[in-house]
Amino acid sequence: MNEFEELVKQPGVLMAGQLSPDGRVAEHKETGLYFAQPDGMQMAAWFCSAITQMLATMGATLTQVYHGGADTTSWLPVRSWMFFGGDYAIAVVGDRFVFAESAKIDSLDKLRELVREPDA
């Protein structure tokens, strides 16, 4: 059983997977959030990729603005982000993602705990 099959067994988790470098869903498992139509899966992938790219752009801009003199701090790379609102919660950590029911996930900490990078 792979890590994504284990994740969708957790209470509230609807889908877990991995994004490819081009932003597409490379692998996923799901339960409760049925993406039978390719358009639904493409929309989920687009959403995760768009938010990640937006944060990377903001990070690059902030890094450039704050660089000056001896300042070598950076806002990049984007390592993770989470959304918790309405009926759903989403976490993206590295190239992995989890979609869950917000009512069944206690907190952002719990959501973050569910999805980890392979070496974590």
Protein backbone atom coordinates (compact mmCIF):
# COMPACT_ATOMS: atom_id res chain seq x y z
CA MET A 1 0.00 0.00 0.00
CA ASN A 2 1.46 3.39 -0.94
CA GLU A 3 1.48 6.60 1.10
CA PHE A 4 -1.53 8.07 -0.73
CA GLU A 5 -3.67 4.99 -0.04
CA GLU A 6 -2.74 5.35 3.63
CA LEU A 7 -3.66 9.05 3.61
CA VAL A 8 -7.14 8.59 2.15
CA LYS A 9 -7.89 6.16 4.99
CA GLN A 10 -7.50 9.02 7.49
CA PRO A 11 -10.76 10.59 8.74
CA GLY A 12 -11.79 13.51 6.53
CA VAL A 13 -9.19 13.00 3.80
CA LEU A 14 -10.83 12.99 0.38
CA MET A 15 -7.82 12.93 -1.93
CA ALA A 16 -4.04 12.74 -1.63
CA GLY A 17 -1.44 12.80 -4.34
CA GLN A 18 1.66 14.18 -5.97
CA LEU A 19 2.10 16.96 -8.51
CA SER A 20 4.54 16.62 -11.40
CA PRO A 21 7.04 19.43 -12.14
CA ASP A 22 4.70 20.78 -14.84
CA GLY A 23 1.85 21.12 -12.31
CA ARG A 24 -0.22 18.11 -13.34
CA VAL A 25 -1.38 15.42 -10.95
CA ALA A 26 1.24 12.67 -11.34
CA GLU A 27 -0.35 10.23 -8.91
CA HIS A 28 -3.33 10.30 -6.57
CA LYS A 29 -5.77 8.28 -4.53
CA GLU A 30 -9.21 9.51 -3.59
CA THR A 31 -12.28 8.70 -1.58
CA GLY A 32 -15.37 10.83 -1.26
CA LEU A 33 -14.19 13.47 -3.72
CA TYR A 34 -14.88 11.75 -6.99
CA PHE A 35 -13.05 13.12 -10.01
CA ALA A 36 -14.40 10.80 -12.68
CA GLN A 37 -14.26 13.54 -15.24
CA PRO A 38 -10.80 14.61 -16.37
CA ASP A 39 -11.93 18.25 -16.10
CA GLY A 40 -12.38 17.88 -12.33
CA MET A 41 -8.89 16.46 -11.84
CA GLN A 42 -7.40 19.13 -14.09
CA MET A 43 -9.17 21.82 -12.06
CA ALA A 44 -7.78 20.43 -8.76
CA ALA A 45 -4.28 20.31 -10.24
CA TRP A 46 -4.64 23.78 -11.73
CA PHE A 47 -5.77 25.18 -8.38
CA CYS A 48 -2.77 23.72 -6.51
CA SER A 49 -0.32 24.79 -9.22
CA ALA A 50 -1.76 28.29 -9.56
CA ILE A 51 -1.54 29.01 -5.84
CA THR A 52 2.00 27.59 -5.65
CA GLN A 53 3.11 29.67 -8.65
CA MET A 54 1.50 32.81 -7.23
CA LEU A 55 3.34 32.33 -3.93
CA ALA A 56 6.62 31.71 -5.80
CA THR A 57 6.14 34.97 -7.72
CA MET A 58 5.42 36.86 -4.52
CA GLY A 59 8.45 35.24 -2.87
CA ALA A 60 10.72 36.19 -5.78
CA THR A 61 9.46 39.78 -5.64
CA LEU A 62 9.92 40.06 -1.87
CA THR A 63 13.38 38.52 -2.10
CA GLN A 64 14.39 41.06 -4.74
CA VAL A 65 12.92 44.00 -2.80
CA TYR A 66 14.67 43.08 0.44
CA HIS A 67 18.06 42.25 -1.04
CA GLY A 68 20.46 45.05 -0.46
CA GLY A 69 23.89 45.32 1.02
CA ALA A 70 24.66 42.25 3.14
CA ASP A 71 21.06 41.00 3.19
CA THR A 72 20.96 37.53 1.63
CA THR A 73 17.61 36.39 3.01
CA SER A 74 15.16 34.73 0.66
CA TRP A 75 11.47 33.86 0.52
CA LEU A 76 12.15 30.99 -1.90
CA PRO A 77 11.59 28.20 -2.58
CA VAL A 78 7.90 27.84 -1.70
CA ARG A 79 7.82 24.75 0.52
CA SER A 80 4.19 24.55 1.59
CA TRP A 81 0.85 26.29 1.85
CA MET A 82 -2.59 25.49 3.27
CA PHE A 83 -6.17 26.57 2.75
CA PHE A 84 -8.83 26.02 5.41
CA GLY A 85 -12.27 27.41 4.68
CA GLY A 86 -15.81 26.52 3.80
CA ASP A 87 -16.28 22.78 3.55
CA TYR A 88 -12.76 21.93 2.39
CA ALA A 89 -9.16 22.15 3.47
CA ILE A 90 -6.11 21.77 1.23
CA ALA A 91 -2.44 21.35 2.07
CA VAL A 92 0.43 21.35 -0.40
CA VAL A 93 3.87 20.40 0.91
CA GLY A 94 6.59 20.16 -1.68
CA ASP A 95 5.02 18.19 -4.51
CA ARG A 96 2.45 16.39 -2.32
CA PHE A 97 -1.12 17.50 -1.65
CA VAL A 98 -4.14 16.57 0.45
CA PHE A 99 -7.77 17.63 -0.01
CA ALA A 100 -9.91 17.11 3.12
CA GLU A 101 -13.25 17.97 4.70
CA SER A 102 -12.62 20.93 7.00
CA ALA A 103 -15.27 19.75 9.48
CA LYS A 104 -13.32 16.52 10.05
CA ILE A 105 -9.87 18.11 10.27
CA ASP A 106 -9.35 19.68 13.69
CA SER A 107 -6.78 22.29 12.75
CA LEU A 108 -4.18 23.47 10.27
CA ASP A 109 -1.63 21.61 12.40
CA LYS A 110 -3.50 18.34 11.83
CA LEU A 111 -3.73 19.03 8.10
CA ARG A 112 -0.01 19.81 7.91
CA GLU A 113 0.76 16.65 9.87
CA LEU A 114 -1.04 14.52 7.28
CA VAL A 115 1.04 15.52 4.27
CA ARG A 116 4.83 15.50 4.42
CA GLU A 117 7.72 15.53 2.03
CA PRO A 118 9.30 12.08 1.57
CA ASP A 119 12.40 12.84 3.69
CA ALA A 120 10.42 14.41 6.53
